[in-house]
Every structure is written in structure tokens, then in C-alpha cells.
Amino acid sequence: MSTPQTPARSPRLRRIALLGSRAVGKSSMTIQFVENVFVDSYYPTIENTFTKTITHQGQEYTAEIIDTAGQDEFSIFNGRHALDIHGYILVYSVTSKLSFDMIKIIRDKILNYTGTDWVPIVIVGNKSDLHAQRQITTEEGEELAALWNCQAVEASAKHNENIARVFELMIGEIEKSTVPPTEEKKDCMIL
């Protein structure tokens, strides 16, 4: 007699959009994460989607990663980047103050478009290996993350430093947003 097989649970789908200025390394980060390869040459990105399974706290998630074309002052935020997106990785280059300022504008656009005051975000300071050209300190990224109630991490796509961590933090932020808040239990007294 055979025992019934429990169907394997399929991984939960989580859509993640990488947004930021041009040439901050969004594509390099994505390709490093998905394919373990650093793409050295820069070609302006045509929006592309990648998929990879991520395990977070024992649960498997299928991450659908949308690598967007770089944003500038004329194309700051495309509304379709808010549709069916579970979380946002906002990428700046630690070598560019302008790119750091741009993620603030992008976040404002996301919140305006979604009509909320918080969405799952991870702030990433990419190109942390370029010490001599640094314009943004680690502390500035951490202060912004504290202000926005999100996670921040510095990374180097070139050296594959903290790249997997970026996506793990993103899954964690998304999952925090899907857990209903626990109600405070009130003790009852009979007099």
C-alpha cells in the first residue's frame, strides 16, 4: 500500500524592483546575484526581469527581480514599477551624491503613487570598493534608512560583497509587511 504524497509547496512569488539613477550598478548587482558573474562593461539597461529562488527563515521564495532602466530627472518613476511589486531596492553609488539624492525622489514618487506612507524598501550603496571616490558615508545611508524605517547595506557588485544580503534583506522587509500586527493583550480584572 502506498502512502499519499504531500504535494511540495511551491515557493512564494515576490516581485522586487531595483530603482536608481543611471550607472549605479543595478544590472551588475542583479547579474552578480542571479548568475554569479560581474558585468564590467556598461550598457544602458533595457528593462529586464530575472528569477532566482531565495530561502529566508526556512521558507523558499521565488524572487522575480525587475532590473529597471536608470532613472533621471525626466523619467524618475514609471507607474508600472508600482504595480504588483512587493518591495523596492533603491540603489545609489557611494561615489555619487546625485544618485543618493535621486533615491529620495524615487521613494517619494513610490509613496505618492501607492498612496501609502511606507513600502518595503532596502537602500543599497553600491560600489563600496571605490574608497578613493566615495562621496556618501556609510552613516548617511544608515541615517536615511532609520528615517525611512527600512534596511540599508553597502555592497560591491564587482567583488560580490553583500549582494546576496541585499536580496535576503529585501525578502525580510517584504515579509515584515505581510505579517499582521499583533494585538496587545489586555488583562481583565474582576473586582
N, C-alpha and C. Protein backbone atom coordinates (compact mmCIF):
# COMPACT_ATOMS: atom_id res chain seq x y z
N MET A 1 0.84 -1.17 0.00
CA MET A 1 0.00 0.00 0.00
C MET A 1 0.89 1.24 0.00
N SER A 2 0.56 2.18 -0.85
CA SER A 2 1.37 3.39 -0.91
C SER A 2 0.72 4.47 -0.05
N THR A 3 1.58 5.30 0.50
CA THR A 3 1.07 6.40 1.31
C THR A 3 0.89 7.62 0.43
N PRO A 4 -0.11 8.39 0.71
CA PRO A 4 -0.33 9.59 -0.13
C PRO A 4 0.84 10.56 0.04
N GLN A 5 1.24 11.12 -1.08
CA GLN A 5 2.34 12.09 -1.08
C GLN A 5 1.77 13.48 -0.78
N THR A 6 2.46 14.18 0.08
CA THR A 6 2.09 15.57 0.33
C THR A 6 2.65 16.39 -0.81
N PRO A 7 1.83 17.17 -1.46
CA PRO A 7 2.36 17.96 -2.57
C PRO A 7 3.42 18.94 -2.06
N ALA A 8 4.47 19.08 -2.84
CA ALA A 8 5.53 20.02 -2.47
C ALA A 8 4.96 21.43 -2.54
N ARG A 9 5.29 22.22 -1.53
CA ARG A 9 4.82 23.60 -1.53
C ARG A 9 5.65 24.39 -2.52
N SER A 10 4.95 25.07 -3.39
CA SER A 10 5.70 25.89 -4.34
C SER A 10 6.16 27.16 -3.64
N PRO A 11 7.32 27.65 -4.06
CA PRO A 11 7.83 28.86 -3.43
C PRO A 11 6.88 30.04 -3.64
N ARG A 12 6.86 30.93 -2.67
CA ARG A 12 6.05 32.14 -2.77
C ARG A 12 6.73 33.11 -3.73
N LEU A 13 5.93 33.72 -4.58
CA LEU A 13 6.47 34.68 -5.54
C LEU A 13 6.55 36.06 -4.90
N ARG A 14 7.71 36.69 -5.02
CA ARG A 14 7.92 38.04 -4.54
C ARG A 14 8.55 38.85 -5.66
N ARG A 15 7.86 39.93 -6.07
CA ARG A 15 8.37 40.79 -7.14
C ARG A 15 9.14 41.95 -6.52
N ILE A 16 10.37 42.11 -6.98
CA ILE A 16 11.28 43.12 -6.44
C ILE A 16 11.75 44.00 -7.59
N ALA A 17 11.64 45.31 -7.41
CA ALA A 17 12.13 46.24 -8.43
C ALA A 17 13.38 46.94 -7.92
N LEU A 18 14.41 46.99 -8.76
CA LEU A 18 15.61 47.77 -8.49
C LEU A 18 15.46 49.11 -9.19
N LEU A 19 15.54 50.18 -8.42
CA LEU A 19 15.40 51.52 -8.96
C LEU A 19 16.58 52.36 -8.52
N GLY A 20 16.95 53.32 -9.35
CA GLY A 20 18.04 54.23 -9.03
C GLY A 20 18.51 54.94 -10.28
N SER A 21 19.43 55.85 -10.09
CA SER A 21 19.99 56.61 -11.22
C SER A 21 20.70 55.69 -12.20
N ARG A 22 21.02 56.25 -13.34
CA ARG A 22 21.79 55.51 -14.34
C ARG A 22 23.19 55.25 -13.80
N ALA A 23 23.77 54.11 -14.17
CA ALA A 23 25.16 53.74 -13.89
C ALA A 23 25.50 53.57 -12.41
N VAL A 24 24.50 53.23 -11.59
CA VAL A 24 24.79 52.96 -10.18
C VAL A 24 25.08 51.48 -9.93
N GLY A 25 24.83 50.64 -10.94
CA GLY A 25 25.16 49.22 -10.83
C GLY A 25 23.99 48.30 -10.57
N LYS A 26 22.78 48.72 -10.94
CA LYS A 26 21.61 47.87 -10.73
C LYS A 26 21.73 46.56 -11.51
N SER A 27 22.11 46.66 -12.78
CA SER A 27 22.25 45.45 -13.60
C SER A 27 23.41 44.59 -13.10
N SER A 28 24.51 45.22 -12.74
CA SER A 28 25.67 44.46 -12.24
C SER A 28 25.31 43.71 -10.97
N MET A 29 24.54 44.35 -10.08
CA MET A 29 24.11 43.68 -8.86
C MET A 29 23.20 42.51 -9.17
N THR A 30 22.25 42.73 -10.06
CA THR A 30 21.28 41.68 -10.39
C THR A 30 21.98 40.48 -11.04
N ILE A 31 22.83 40.74 -12.01
CA ILE A 31 23.51 39.65 -12.71
C ILE A 31 24.48 38.93 -11.76
N GLN A 32 25.14 39.67 -10.90
CA GLN A 32 26.03 39.05 -9.91
C GLN A 32 25.22 38.13 -9.01
N PHE A 33 24.03 38.56 -8.58
CA PHE A 33 23.20 37.75 -7.70
C PHE A 33 22.65 36.50 -8.40
N VAL A 34 22.13 36.69 -9.60
CA VAL A 34 21.46 35.59 -10.30
C VAL A 34 22.45 34.63 -10.96
N GLU A 35 23.51 35.18 -11.57
CA GLU A 35 24.42 34.35 -12.37
C GLU A 35 25.83 34.24 -11.80
N ASN A 36 26.12 34.91 -10.69
CA ASN A 36 27.47 34.92 -10.09
C ASN A 36 28.54 35.39 -11.06
N VAL A 37 28.21 36.43 -11.82
CA VAL A 37 29.14 37.00 -12.80
C VAL A 37 29.11 38.51 -12.64
N PHE A 38 30.28 39.14 -12.70
CA PHE A 38 30.31 40.60 -12.69
C PHE A 38 30.41 41.09 -14.13
N VAL A 39 29.48 41.93 -14.52
CA VAL A 39 29.47 42.52 -15.85
C VAL A 39 30.18 43.86 -15.74
N ASP A 40 31.37 43.94 -16.34
CA ASP A 40 32.22 45.11 -16.19
C ASP A 40 31.81 46.25 -17.10
N SER A 41 31.42 45.93 -18.32
CA SER A 41 31.09 47.00 -19.27
C SER A 41 29.70 47.53 -18.99
N TYR A 42 29.50 48.81 -19.26
CA TYR A 42 28.22 49.43 -19.01
C TYR A 42 27.46 49.65 -20.32
N TYR A 43 26.31 49.01 -20.38
CA TYR A 43 25.38 49.25 -21.48
C TYR A 43 24.08 49.71 -20.83
N PRO A 44 23.52 50.82 -21.28
CA PRO A 44 22.26 51.25 -20.67
C PRO A 44 21.24 50.11 -20.73
N THR A 45 20.60 49.88 -19.62
CA THR A 45 19.69 48.74 -19.49
C THR A 45 18.35 49.01 -20.15
N ILE A 46 17.91 48.02 -20.89
CA ILE A 46 16.52 47.94 -21.29
C ILE A 46 15.90 47.11 -20.16
N GLU A 47 14.77 47.50 -19.64
CA GLU A 47 14.20 46.78 -18.50
C GLU A 47 14.21 45.28 -18.74
N ASN A 48 14.64 44.54 -17.73
CA ASN A 48 14.79 43.10 -17.82
C ASN A 48 14.31 42.47 -16.52
N THR A 49 13.85 41.22 -16.60
CA THR A 49 13.39 40.51 -15.42
C THR A 49 14.18 39.23 -15.26
N PHE A 50 14.63 38.98 -14.02
CA PHE A 50 15.39 37.78 -13.68
C PHE A 50 14.64 37.05 -12.57
N THR A 51 14.88 35.75 -12.46
CA THR A 51 14.24 34.95 -11.42
C THR A 51 15.27 34.13 -10.68
N LYS A 52 15.14 34.08 -9.36
CA LYS A 52 16.02 33.25 -8.54
C LYS A 52 15.26 32.86 -7.28
N THR A 53 15.52 31.65 -6.79
CA THR A 53 14.91 31.19 -5.56
C THR A 53 15.78 31.63 -4.39
N ILE A 54 15.13 32.18 -3.37
CA ILE A 54 15.80 32.65 -2.16
C ILE A 54 15.16 31.94 -0.98
N THR A 55 15.99 31.44 -0.07
CA THR A 55 15.47 30.85 1.15
C THR A 55 15.63 31.86 2.28
N HIS A 56 14.52 32.14 2.96
CA HIS A 56 14.52 33.09 4.08
C HIS A 56 13.77 32.45 5.23
N GLN A 57 14.45 32.27 6.35
CA GLN A 57 13.87 31.66 7.54
C GLN A 57 13.17 30.33 7.22
N GLY A 58 13.84 29.51 6.44
CA GLY A 58 13.34 28.17 6.12
C GLY A 58 12.26 28.11 5.06
N GLN A 59 11.84 29.23 4.55
CA GLN A 59 10.80 29.29 3.51
C GLN A 59 11.44 29.67 2.18
N GLU A 60 11.03 28.99 1.13
CA GLU A 60 11.55 29.33 -0.21
C GLU A 60 10.66 30.38 -0.87
N TYR A 61 11.33 31.34 -1.51
CA TYR A 61 10.64 32.40 -2.23
C TYR A 61 11.20 32.44 -3.65
N THR A 62 10.34 32.60 -4.62
CA THR A 62 10.78 32.85 -5.97
C THR A 62 10.83 34.36 -6.13
N ALA A 63 12.04 34.88 -6.27
CA ALA A 63 12.20 36.32 -6.44
C ALA A 63 12.19 36.63 -7.92
N GLU A 64 11.24 37.44 -8.32
CA GLU A 64 11.18 37.95 -9.69
C GLU A 64 11.77 39.36 -9.60
N ILE A 65 12.97 39.52 -10.12
CA ILE A 65 13.73 40.75 -9.96
C ILE A 65 13.61 41.59 -11.23
N ILE A 66 13.04 42.76 -11.10
CA ILE A 66 12.88 43.66 -12.25
C ILE A 66 14.02 44.66 -12.22
N ASP A 67 14.93 44.50 -13.17
CA ASP A 67 16.07 45.40 -13.32
C ASP A 67 15.61 46.52 -14.25
N THR A 68 15.35 47.68 -13.67
CA THR A 68 14.79 48.79 -14.45
C THR A 68 15.89 49.58 -15.14
N ALA A 69 15.50 50.28 -16.17
CA ALA A 69 16.41 51.24 -16.79
C ALA A 69 16.64 52.37 -15.80
N GLY A 70 17.80 52.98 -15.86
CA GLY A 70 18.15 54.03 -14.90
C GLY A 70 17.18 55.20 -14.93
N GLN A 71 16.91 55.73 -13.75
CA GLN A 71 16.02 56.87 -13.65
C GLN A 71 16.84 58.16 -13.72
N ASP A 72 16.26 59.17 -14.31
CA ASP A 72 16.85 60.50 -14.29
C ASP A 72 15.73 61.49 -13.99
N GLU A 73 16.05 62.77 -14.04
CA GLU A 73 15.04 63.76 -13.66
C GLU A 73 13.83 63.76 -14.58
N PHE A 74 13.94 63.18 -15.78
CA PHE A 74 12.82 63.16 -16.72
C PHE A 74 12.00 61.89 -16.62
N SER A 75 12.58 60.82 -16.11
CA SER A 75 11.86 59.54 -16.01
C SER A 75 12.01 58.98 -14.61
N ILE A 76 11.75 59.83 -13.62
CA ILE A 76 12.02 59.48 -12.23
C ILE A 76 11.32 58.20 -11.80
N PHE A 77 10.07 58.04 -12.14
CA PHE A 77 9.35 56.86 -11.68
C PHE A 77 8.25 56.53 -12.66
N ASN A 78 8.27 55.31 -13.13
CA ASN A 78 7.26 54.82 -14.04
C ASN A 78 6.20 54.11 -13.19
N GLY A 79 4.95 54.50 -13.32
CA GLY A 79 3.88 53.92 -12.51
C GLY A 79 3.80 52.41 -12.57
N ARG A 80 4.20 51.81 -13.67
CA ARG A 80 4.11 50.34 -13.73
C ARG A 80 5.09 49.68 -12.78
N HIS A 81 6.09 50.45 -12.29
CA HIS A 81 7.01 49.90 -11.30
C HIS A 81 6.36 49.80 -9.92
N ALA A 82 5.14 50.27 -9.79
CA ALA A 82 4.41 50.15 -8.52
C ALA A 82 3.36 49.06 -8.58
N LEU A 83 3.05 48.57 -9.76
CA LEU A 83 2.01 47.56 -9.92
C LEU A 83 2.58 46.17 -9.61
N ASP A 84 1.93 45.48 -8.71
CA ASP A 84 2.31 44.11 -8.36
C ASP A 84 3.75 43.98 -7.89
N ILE A 85 4.32 45.03 -7.33
CA ILE A 85 5.67 44.97 -6.78
C ILE A 85 5.55 44.81 -5.27
N HIS A 86 6.29 43.85 -4.73
CA HIS A 86 6.23 43.61 -3.29
C HIS A 86 7.27 44.43 -2.52
N GLY A 87 8.39 44.76 -3.16
CA GLY A 87 9.43 45.51 -2.48
C GLY A 87 10.37 46.20 -3.45
N TYR A 88 11.05 47.22 -2.96
CA TYR A 88 11.91 48.06 -3.80
C TYR A 88 13.33 48.09 -3.24
N ILE A 89 14.29 47.85 -4.10
CA ILE A 89 15.69 48.05 -3.75
C ILE A 89 16.10 49.36 -4.42
N LEU A 90 16.38 50.36 -3.60
CA LEU A 90 16.77 51.67 -4.12
C LEU A 90 18.30 51.74 -4.08
N VAL A 91 18.89 51.84 -5.26
CA VAL A 91 20.34 51.75 -5.39
C VAL A 91 20.93 53.12 -5.72
N TYR A 92 21.98 53.46 -4.98
CA TYR A 92 22.78 54.64 -5.30
C TYR A 92 24.24 54.20 -5.32
N SER A 93 25.07 55.02 -5.90
CA SER A 93 26.51 54.76 -5.89
C SER A 93 27.12 55.59 -4.76
N VAL A 94 27.98 54.97 -3.95
CA VAL A 94 28.62 55.72 -2.87
C VAL A 94 29.55 56.79 -3.43
N THR A 95 29.78 56.75 -4.74
CA THR A 95 30.65 57.75 -5.39
C THR A 95 29.85 58.89 -6.02
N SER A 96 28.54 58.94 -5.77
CA SER A 96 27.71 59.96 -6.43
C SER A 96 26.64 60.51 -5.49
N LYS A 97 26.84 61.75 -5.07
CA LYS A 97 25.85 62.43 -4.23
C LYS A 97 24.53 62.58 -4.98
N LEU A 98 24.60 62.84 -6.28
CA LEU A 98 23.40 62.99 -7.10
C LEU A 98 22.55 61.71 -7.06
N SER A 99 23.19 60.54 -7.16
CA SER A 99 22.44 59.28 -7.14
C SER A 99 21.79 59.04 -5.77
N PHE A 100 22.46 59.50 -4.70
CA PHE A 100 21.91 59.38 -3.35
C PHE A 100 20.66 60.27 -3.22
N ASP A 101 20.75 61.48 -3.73
CA ASP A 101 19.60 62.38 -3.71
C ASP A 101 18.45 61.83 -4.56
N MET A 102 18.78 61.15 -5.64
CA MET A 102 17.76 60.61 -6.54
C MET A 102 16.90 59.54 -5.86
N ILE A 103 17.49 58.71 -4.98
CA ILE A 103 16.66 57.66 -4.35
C ILE A 103 15.61 58.29 -3.43
N LYS A 104 15.88 59.47 -2.89
CA LYS A 104 14.89 60.16 -2.06
C LYS A 104 13.69 60.57 -2.91
N ILE A 105 13.96 61.07 -4.10
CA ILE A 105 12.90 61.47 -5.02
C ILE A 105 12.11 60.25 -5.49
N ILE A 106 12.82 59.16 -5.79
CA ILE A 106 12.16 57.93 -6.24
C ILE A 106 11.23 57.40 -5.15
N ARG A 107 11.71 57.39 -3.90
CA ARG A 107 10.86 56.90 -2.79
C ARG A 107 9.61 57.76 -2.67
N ASP A 108 9.76 59.07 -2.74
CA ASP A 108 8.58 59.95 -2.67
C ASP A 108 7.59 59.62 -3.78
N LYS A 109 8.09 59.38 -4.97
CA LYS A 109 7.20 59.03 -6.10
C LYS A 109 6.48 57.70 -5.83
N ILE A 110 7.20 56.71 -5.28
CA ILE A 110 6.57 55.42 -4.97
C ILE A 110 5.44 55.62 -3.95
N LEU A 111 5.73 56.36 -2.89
CA LEU A 111 4.71 56.58 -1.85
C LEU A 111 3.52 57.35 -2.41
N ASN A 112 3.77 58.35 -3.22
CA ASN A 112 2.67 59.10 -3.84
C ASN A 112 1.83 58.20 -4.72
N TYR A 113 2.49 57.37 -5.52
CA TYR A 113 1.77 56.51 -6.45
C TYR A 113 0.96 55.44 -5.72
N THR A 114 1.54 54.86 -4.66
CA THR A 114 0.85 53.79 -3.94
C THR A 114 -0.14 54.32 -2.91
N GLY A 115 -0.03 55.61 -2.58
CA GLY A 115 -0.95 56.19 -1.61
C GLY A 115 -0.71 55.70 -0.19
N THR A 116 0.52 55.30 0.11
CA THR A 116 0.86 54.81 1.44
C THR A 116 1.98 55.66 2.02
N ASP A 117 2.27 55.44 3.29
CA ASP A 117 3.38 56.16 3.89
C ASP A 117 4.58 55.25 4.15
N TRP A 118 4.46 53.96 3.78
CA TRP A 118 5.58 53.02 3.93
C TRP A 118 5.41 51.87 2.96
N VAL A 119 6.48 51.49 2.32
CA VAL A 119 6.54 50.28 1.50
C VAL A 119 7.86 49.58 1.83
N PRO A 120 7.94 48.27 1.60
CA PRO A 120 9.20 47.57 1.86
C PRO A 120 10.31 48.08 0.94
N ILE A 121 11.37 48.62 1.56
CA ILE A 121 12.50 49.19 0.82
C ILE A 121 13.80 48.72 1.47
N VAL A 122 14.79 48.47 0.64
CA VAL A 122 16.17 48.30 1.09
C VAL A 122 16.99 49.33 0.32
N ILE A 123 17.75 50.14 1.06
CA ILE A 123 18.65 51.12 0.45
C ILE A 123 20.01 50.47 0.26
N VAL A 124 20.56 50.57 -0.95
CA VAL A 124 21.85 49.96 -1.23
C VAL A 124 22.83 51.00 -1.76
N GLY A 125 23.94 51.14 -1.06
CA GLY A 125 25.05 51.96 -1.52
C GLY A 125 26.01 51.06 -2.26
N ASN A 126 25.92 51.03 -3.58
CA ASN A 126 26.78 50.15 -4.39
C ASN A 126 28.13 50.82 -4.65
N LYS A 127 29.07 50.04 -5.11
CA LYS A 127 30.43 50.48 -5.45
C LYS A 127 31.23 50.83 -4.19
N SER A 128 30.98 50.09 -3.11
CA SER A 128 31.68 50.35 -1.85
C SER A 128 33.18 50.06 -1.94
N ASP A 129 33.60 49.40 -3.01
CA ASP A 129 35.03 49.12 -3.21
C ASP A 129 35.79 50.35 -3.72
N LEU A 130 35.09 51.38 -4.16
CA LEU A 130 35.74 52.58 -4.71
C LEU A 130 35.98 53.61 -3.60
N HIS A 131 36.84 53.25 -2.65
CA HIS A 131 37.07 54.06 -1.45
C HIS A 131 37.51 55.49 -1.77
N ALA A 132 38.43 55.66 -2.71
CA ALA A 132 39.00 56.98 -3.00
C ALA A 132 37.98 57.95 -3.60
N GLN A 133 36.95 57.42 -4.26
CA GLN A 133 35.95 58.30 -4.91
C GLN A 133 34.69 58.49 -4.08
N ARG A 134 34.67 57.97 -2.87
CA ARG A 134 33.46 58.00 -2.03
C ARG A 134 32.98 59.42 -1.78
N GLN A 135 31.67 59.63 -1.97
CA GLN A 135 31.03 60.92 -1.67
C GLN A 135 29.96 60.78 -0.59
N ILE A 136 29.48 59.56 -0.37
CA ILE A 136 28.43 59.29 0.62
C ILE A 136 29.00 58.36 1.68
N THR A 137 28.89 58.75 2.93
CA THR A 137 29.40 57.92 4.02
C THR A 137 28.42 56.79 4.34
N THR A 138 28.92 55.76 4.97
CA THR A 138 28.07 54.67 5.43
C THR A 138 27.00 55.21 6.37
N GLU A 139 27.40 56.15 7.23
CA GLU A 139 26.48 56.72 8.20
C GLU A 139 25.31 57.46 7.53
N GLU A 140 25.58 58.13 6.43
CA GLU A 140 24.50 58.82 5.72
C GLU A 140 23.44 57.83 5.23
N GLY A 141 23.88 56.70 4.70
CA GLY A 141 22.94 55.66 4.27
C GLY A 141 22.15 55.10 5.43
N GLU A 142 22.83 54.86 6.56
CA GLU A 142 22.17 54.32 7.74
C GLU A 142 21.16 55.32 8.34
N GLU A 143 21.52 56.60 8.32
CA GLU A 143 20.61 57.63 8.84
C GLU A 143 19.34 57.71 7.99
N LEU A 144 19.50 57.62 6.68
CA LEU A 144 18.34 57.65 5.79
C LEU A 144 17.46 56.43 6.03
N ALA A 145 18.08 55.27 6.21
CA ALA A 145 17.32 54.04 6.48
C ALA A 145 16.54 54.16 7.79
N ALA A 146 17.16 54.73 8.82
CA ALA A 146 16.47 54.92 10.10
C ALA A 146 15.27 55.86 9.93
N LEU A 147 15.46 56.92 9.15
CA LEU A 147 14.39 57.87 8.89
C LEU A 147 13.22 57.20 8.16
N TRP A 148 13.54 56.31 7.22
CA TRP A 148 12.52 55.64 6.41
C TRP A 148 12.04 54.33 7.02
N ASN A 149 12.60 53.92 8.16
CA ASN A 149 12.23 52.65 8.79
C ASN A 149 12.44 51.47 7.84
N CYS A 150 13.65 51.41 7.29
CA CYS A 150 13.98 50.32 6.36
C CYS A 150 15.42 49.86 6.61
N GLN A 151 15.87 48.93 5.81
CA GLN A 151 17.23 48.41 5.91
C GLN A 151 18.15 49.14 4.94
N ALA A 152 19.43 49.25 5.33
CA ALA A 152 20.45 49.81 4.44
C ALA A 152 21.66 48.90 4.47
N VAL A 153 22.31 48.80 3.33
CA VAL A 153 23.53 48.00 3.24
C VAL A 153 24.40 48.59 2.13
N GLU A 154 25.69 48.51 2.34
CA GLU A 154 26.62 48.87 1.26
C GLU A 154 27.08 47.59 0.60
N ALA A 155 27.33 47.66 -0.70
CA ALA A 155 27.66 46.47 -1.47
C ALA A 155 28.66 46.81 -2.57
N SER A 156 29.28 45.76 -3.07
CA SER A 156 30.14 45.87 -4.24
C SER A 156 29.78 44.74 -5.19
N ALA A 157 29.13 45.10 -6.30
CA ALA A 157 28.80 44.08 -7.29
C ALA A 157 30.08 43.49 -7.87
N LYS A 158 31.09 44.32 -8.02
CA LYS A 158 32.36 43.87 -8.60
C LYS A 158 33.00 42.75 -7.78
N HIS A 159 32.98 42.91 -6.46
CA HIS A 159 33.61 41.92 -5.58
C HIS A 159 32.59 40.99 -4.92
N ASN A 160 31.35 41.04 -5.35
CA ASN A 160 30.27 40.21 -4.81
C ASN A 160 30.17 40.33 -3.29
N GLU A 161 30.31 41.54 -2.79
CA GLU A 161 30.21 41.80 -1.35
C GLU A 161 28.80 42.28 -1.02
N ASN A 162 28.14 41.54 -0.16
CA ASN A 162 26.80 41.85 0.35
C ASN A 162 25.71 41.79 -0.71
N ILE A 163 25.99 41.25 -1.88
CA ILE A 163 24.95 41.19 -2.93
C ILE A 163 23.81 40.27 -2.51
N ALA A 164 24.13 39.06 -2.06
CA ALA A 164 23.08 38.14 -1.61
C ALA A 164 22.34 38.74 -0.42
N ARG A 165 23.07 39.42 0.45
CA ARG A 165 22.46 40.04 1.64
C ARG A 165 21.40 41.07 1.25
N VAL A 166 21.64 41.82 0.20
CA VAL A 166 20.67 42.81 -0.28
C VAL A 166 19.32 42.15 -0.52
N PHE A 167 19.34 41.02 -1.23
CA PHE A 167 18.09 40.37 -1.60
C PHE A 167 17.47 39.64 -0.41
N GLU A 168 18.30 39.11 0.49
CA GLU A 168 17.77 38.49 1.71
C GLU A 168 17.09 39.54 2.58
N LEU A 169 17.72 40.72 2.73
CA LEU A 169 17.11 41.80 3.49
C LEU A 169 15.78 42.22 2.86
N MET A 170 15.74 42.24 1.53
CA MET A 170 14.52 42.64 0.83
C MET A 170 13.39 41.66 1.12
N ILE A 171 13.67 40.38 1.07
CA ILE A 171 12.64 39.38 1.39
C ILE A 171 12.17 39.58 2.83
N GLY A 172 13.10 39.83 3.74
CA GLY A 172 12.74 40.08 5.14
C GLY A 172 11.83 41.29 5.29
N GLU A 173 12.13 42.37 4.58
CA GLU A 173 11.29 43.58 4.63
C GLU A 173 9.90 43.30 4.07
N ILE A 174 9.85 42.56 2.96
CA ILE A 174 8.55 42.22 2.37
C ILE A 174 7.73 41.39 3.35
N GLU A 175 8.37 40.41 3.96
CA GLU A 175 7.64 39.53 4.88
C GLU A 175 7.17 40.28 6.12
N LYS A 176 7.95 41.26 6.58
CA LYS A 176 7.50 42.08 7.71
C LYS A 176 6.21 42.79 7.36
N SER A 177 6.08 43.19 6.09
CA SER A 177 4.90 43.94 5.68
C SER A 177 3.68 43.05 5.51
N THR A 178 3.87 41.72 5.41
CA THR A 178 2.74 40.83 5.20
C THR A 178 2.24 40.20 6.50
N VAL A 179 2.97 40.40 7.60
CA VAL A 179 2.57 39.85 8.89
C VAL A 179 1.65 40.85 9.58
N PRO A 180 0.45 40.42 9.93
CA PRO A 180 -0.45 41.37 10.60
C PRO A 180 0.11 41.74 11.97
N PRO A 181 -0.08 43.00 12.38
CA PRO A 181 0.42 43.39 13.70
C PRO A 181 -0.28 42.61 14.80
N THR A 182 0.46 42.24 15.81
CA THR A 182 -0.14 41.51 16.92
C THR A 182 -0.81 42.51 17.85
N GLU A 183 -1.99 42.12 18.28
CA GLU A 183 -2.73 42.99 19.19
C GLU A 183 -2.16 42.84 20.59
N GLU A 184 -2.10 43.95 21.29
CA GLU A 184 -1.63 43.91 22.65
C GLU A 184 -2.72 43.25 23.49
N LYS A 185 -2.32 42.22 24.24
CA LYS A 185 -3.30 41.53 25.09
C LYS A 185 -3.54 42.38 26.34
N LYS A 186 -4.79 42.56 26.63
CA LYS A 186 -5.15 43.32 27.81
C LYS A 186 -5.64 42.35 28.87
N ASP A 187 -5.10 42.51 30.04
CA ASP A 187 -5.54 41.67 31.13
C ASP A 187 -6.88 42.18 31.67
N CYS A 188 -7.69 41.26 32.05
CA CYS A 188 -9.00 41.61 32.55
C CYS A 188 -9.00 41.40 34.07
N MET A 189 -9.55 42.35 34.79
CA MET A 189 -9.65 42.23 36.24
C MET A 189 -11.11 42.28 36.65
N ILE A 190 -11.49 41.38 37.50
CA ILE A 190 -12.84 41.39 38.04
C ILE A 190 -12.74 41.87 39.48
N LEU A 191 -13.50 42.89 39.80
CA LEU A 191 -13.44 43.44 41.17
C LEU A 191 -14.65 43.06 41.95
